[in-house]
Protein backbone atom coordinates (compact mmCIF):
# COMPACT_ATOMS: atom_id res chain seq x y z
CA MET A 1 -0.15 -0.22 -0.26
CA ASP A 2 1.35 3.25 -0.78
CA ASN A 3 2.47 5.68 1.98
CA ASP A 4 -0.03 8.81 2.00
CA PRO A 5 1.96 11.93 2.61
CA MET A 6 -1.03 14.03 4.19
CA ALA A 7 -1.07 11.46 7.18
CA GLU A 8 2.22 13.22 8.80
CA LEU A 9 0.25 16.93 8.61
CA PRO A 10 -1.04 18.25 12.09
CA ALA A 11 -4.57 18.02 12.29
CA ASP A 12 -5.41 21.74 12.04
CA LEU A 13 -3.22 22.34 9.22
CA LYS A 14 -5.53 19.20 7.46
CA GLN A 15 -8.69 20.97 8.41
CA HIS A 16 -7.94 24.23 6.88
CA MET A 17 -5.75 23.29 3.77
CA THR A 18 -7.66 23.35 -0.10
CA ARG A 19 -7.79 19.92 -1.31
CA TYR A 20 -7.69 18.97 -4.76
CA LYS A 21 -8.51 15.55 -6.54
CA ALA A 22 -7.42 13.94 -9.31
CA PRO A 23 -9.41 13.34 -12.69
CA PRO A 24 -10.60 9.53 -12.66
CA GLY A 25 -8.12 7.20 -14.06
CA LEU A 26 -5.04 9.18 -14.46
CA LYS A 27 -3.38 7.18 -12.43
CA ARG A 28 -4.07 4.69 -14.37
CA ARG A 29 -3.24 6.53 -17.79
CA ILE A 30 0.66 7.90 -16.05
CA ARG A 31 1.37 4.21 -15.34
CA TYR A 32 0.16 2.68 -18.43
CA SER A 33 2.43 5.77 -20.12
CA LEU A 34 5.21 5.07 -18.12
CA ALA A 35 5.12 1.29 -18.66
CA GLN A 36 5.65 1.32 -22.80
CA PRO A 37 9.05 1.02 -24.10
CA PRO A 38 10.65 3.88 -25.95
CA ARG A 39 9.06 3.73 -29.76
CA GLY A 40 11.37 4.83 -32.75
CA SER A 41 15.18 5.48 -32.24
CA GLY A 42 17.64 8.73 -32.56
CA PHE A 43 15.92 11.45 -31.13
CA PHE A 44 12.32 10.82 -30.76
CA GLY A 45 13.38 7.80 -29.11
CA ALA A 46 15.98 9.45 -26.70
CA ALA A 47 13.72 11.72 -26.06
CA ARG A 48 10.70 9.64 -25.08
CA ALA A 49 12.91 8.25 -22.65
CA SER A 50 13.97 11.62 -20.86
CA TRP A 51 10.31 11.60 -21.08
CA ASN A 52 9.72 9.01 -18.77
CA ARG A 53 12.04 9.37 -16.62
CA TRP A 54 10.90 12.93 -15.38
CA VAL A 55 7.18 12.11 -15.39
CA PRO A 56 7.70 10.94 -12.14
CA VAL A 57 10.04 13.60 -10.41
CA GLY A 58 7.15 16.50 -12.07
CA ALA A 59 4.14 14.69 -10.89
CA SER A 60 6.04 14.83 -7.34
CA PHE A 61 6.77 18.35 -8.22
CA ALA A 62 3.16 18.96 -8.75
CA CYS A 63 1.89 17.62 -6.01
CA GLY A 64 4.35 19.38 -3.44
CA ALA A 65 3.69 23.16 -4.97
CA LEU A 66 -0.26 22.16 -4.35
CA LEU A 67 0.78 21.57 -0.73
CA ALA A 68 3.00 24.51 -0.26
CA VAL A 69 0.10 26.36 -1.68
CA SER A 70 -1.94 25.27 0.74
CA VAL A 71 0.03 25.59 3.80
CA MET A 72 0.78 29.07 2.59
CA THR A 73 -3.26 29.92 2.39
CA TYR A 74 -3.57 28.39 6.18
CA ARG A 75 -0.73 30.32 7.68
CA ALA A 76 -1.93 33.41 6.06
CA GLY A 77 -5.34 32.83 7.41
CA THR A 78 -4.23 32.58 10.84
CA THR A 79 -2.96 36.24 10.99
CA ALA A 80 -5.82 37.07 8.51
CA ASP A 81 -6.91 40.15 10.91
CA GLU A 82 -3.77 41.86 11.11
CA GLY A 83 -4.38 43.14 7.78
CA PRO A 84 -7.36 45.55 8.66
CA VAL A 85 -5.69 47.06 11.90
CA GLU A 86 -2.46 47.48 9.61
CA SER A 87 -4.78 49.45 7.31
CA GLN A 88 -6.71 51.49 10.48
CA VAL A 89 -3.44 52.36 12.04
CA VAL A 90 -1.92 53.84 8.30
CA ALA A 91 -5.36 55.81 7.86
CA SER A 92 -5.52 56.73 11.21
CA HIS A 93 -1.46 58.13 11.25
CA VAL A 94 -2.60 59.85 8.02
CA ARG A 95 -5.19 61.76 9.33
CA SER A 96 -2.93 62.59 12.12
CA LEU A 97 -0.93 64.64 9.62
CA MET A 98 -3.75 66.25 7.58
CA GLY A 99 -5.35 67.86 10.61
CA ASP A 100 -4.35 69.52 13.68
CA HIS A 101 -4.89 66.79 15.77
CA LEU A 102 -1.23 65.11 15.88
CA MET A 103 -1.20 65.46 19.90
CA ASP A 104 -3.11 66.05 22.62
CA VAL A 105 -0.65 66.38 25.09
CA ALA A 106 2.77 67.57 23.59
CA SER A 107 6.02 66.98 26.46
CA THR A 108 9.08 65.24 25.47
CA ASP A 109 8.66 64.00 29.27
CA GLN A 110 7.43 60.52 29.35
CA HIS A 111 6.28 61.45 32.91
CA THR A 112 4.02 64.09 31.74
CA VAL A 113 2.97 61.98 28.80
CA LYS A 114 2.24 58.81 30.72
CA PRO A 115 0.05 60.29 33.33
CA TRP A 116 -2.08 61.98 30.93
CA PHE A 117 -3.82 59.11 29.74
CA THR A 118 -4.73 58.34 33.67
CA GLY A 119 -8.85 57.66 33.27
CA LYS A 120 -8.80 58.13 29.57
CA LEU A 121 -8.18 54.45 28.92
CA ASP A 122 -9.06 51.50 30.68
CA TYR A 123 -5.03 50.35 30.37
CA ALA A 124 -2.07 52.03 30.82
CA PRO A 125 0.27 52.39 28.02
CA PRO A 126 3.89 52.48 28.49
CA VAL A 127 5.58 55.60 27.17
CA ILE A 128 9.43 55.24 26.34
CA ASP A 129 11.49 57.65 25.53
CA LEU A 130 14.27 56.98 22.56
CA ALA A 131 16.14 60.25 22.43
CA GLU A 132 19.43 59.01 22.62
CA ASP A 133 18.71 56.80 20.15
CA GLY A 134 17.65 59.67 17.78
CA PHE A 135 13.63 58.63 18.33
CA PRO A 136 12.46 61.73 20.66
CA LEU A 137 9.24 61.94 22.00
CA VAL A 138 7.26 64.61 21.43
CA GLY A 139 3.36 63.86 22.70
CA GLY A 140 0.86 61.70 22.61
CA ARG A 141 -3.03 61.71 22.07
CA LEU A 142 -6.14 59.59 22.22
CA ASP A 143 -7.01 57.94 19.12
CA TYR A 144 -9.29 55.25 17.85
CA VAL A 145 -8.38 51.79 16.67
CA GLN A 146 -10.24 48.14 16.36
CA ASP A 147 -13.74 50.09 16.96
CA ARG A 148 -12.15 50.87 20.61
CA PRO A 149 -10.00 53.96 22.06
CA ALA A 150 -6.25 53.55 21.81
CA ALA A 151 -3.49 55.14 23.04
CA ALA A 152 -0.45 57.16 20.17
CA LEU A 153 2.61 58.12 21.13
CA VAL A 154 3.97 60.45 18.99
CA TYR A 155 7.95 60.42 17.93
CA ARG A 156 10.16 62.53 15.74
CA ARG A 157 13.14 61.50 13.46
CA ARG A 158 14.53 64.32 11.26
CA GLY A 159 11.49 65.63 10.40
CA HIS A 160 9.78 62.46 10.03
CA THR A 161 6.64 61.72 12.04
CA ILE A 162 6.36 58.64 13.89
CA ASN A 163 2.99 57.10 15.27
CA VAL A 164 3.38 54.23 17.71
CA PHE A 165 -0.53 52.66 18.56
CA ILE A 166 -0.60 50.22 21.26
CA LEU A 167 -3.54 48.38 22.50
CA PRO A 168 -3.96 45.78 25.07
CA GLU A 169 -3.48 42.26 23.70
CA GLN A 170 -6.53 39.86 22.69
CA ALA A 171 -6.45 36.79 24.85
CA GLY A 172 -5.38 33.84 22.51
CA ARG A 173 -4.33 35.86 19.35
CA ARG A 174 -0.50 36.63 19.95
CA ALA A 175 0.93 37.89 16.68
CA ALA A 176 4.13 37.60 15.95
CA ALA A 177 6.45 40.70 15.20
CA ALA A 178 6.68 41.60 11.78
CA LEU A 179 7.64 44.62 9.56
CA THR A 180 5.30 45.58 6.27
CA THR A 181 4.96 48.48 3.61
CA ASP A 182 1.09 49.31 3.20
CA HIS A 183 0.33 52.25 0.91
CA GLY A 184 4.44 53.61 0.92
CA TYR A 185 4.33 53.40 4.79
CA GLN A 186 6.49 51.22 7.01
CA VAL A 187 4.72 49.51 9.50
CA ALA A 188 6.05 47.80 12.54
CA ARG A 189 4.08 45.41 14.48
CA TRP A 190 5.23 43.54 17.84
CA THR A 191 3.43 42.36 21.61
CA HIS A 192 5.07 42.91 24.75
CA ALA A 193 3.58 42.30 28.23
CA GLY A 194 0.09 42.01 27.32
CA MET A 195 0.39 45.08 24.69
CA ARG A 196 0.34 45.19 21.02
CA PHE A 197 2.11 48.02 19.42
CA TRP A 198 2.09 49.06 15.56
CA ALA A 199 4.89 51.80 14.93
CA VAL A 200 3.66 53.77 11.24
CA SER A 201 6.05 56.14 9.13
CA ASP A 202 7.68 57.26 5.95
CA LEU A 203 10.95 56.66 7.39
CA SER A 204 12.80 54.26 5.23
CA ARG A 205 12.47 50.27 6.08
CA GLU A 206 16.21 50.20 7.87
CA GLU A 207 15.78 53.48 9.94
CA MET A 208 12.10 51.94 10.89
CA ALA A 209 13.66 48.93 11.80
CA LYS A 210 15.65 50.40 14.04
CA PHE A 211 13.13 52.39 15.71
CA ALA A 212 11.15 49.44 16.23
CA ALA A 213 14.14 47.46 17.86
CA GLY A 214 14.99 50.28 20.15
CA MET A 215 11.57 50.24 21.05
CA GLN A 216 11.68 46.76 22.01
CA ALA A 217 15.04 46.62 24.00
CA ALA A 218 13.79 49.53 26.16
CA GLN A 219 10.39 47.90 27.54
């Protein structure tokens, strides 16, 4: 009996993956074709022999490709909720730059910004100053992310604005740290101590990675 390549896959992966059923008789036709001796000689005979050797390899590659697509689809589905959140924080970042609501509290002192959120949110967002790393804190404000009030911290980097949105971590939904691009803006996300963070800016990818690394190292 042939070994089942699906048997070793985790149960949750097999539950979500897309399955493809081969047409009736395909297996029989392939075996029949492989069993036929090469016809003729010269170029056509060599081509037939080469085809017979490569058919099993091609079939294995096709099966592997289908399995890879299924795995990628499953993995993308596990963090699909991060896409809409990233769109929200990018939109909030852009709105803050277009109007006059970039900051509710303007201060470079983290001990002034942090207490300002007291009583305005049902959680205490951590406030970090990265002035020594070249990313000074300049203030904070209330924003709205995922249908609830959220803390937004504002940092500067040589004329560039960085918004950091903070929300409590959702139970059972810990997302992996990532750095992505959305509509030309760099978006870094990570979790720490029960909080979720999204940093948004038009900085270069390298500088955003440096900022995110500095934030995480200081937490």
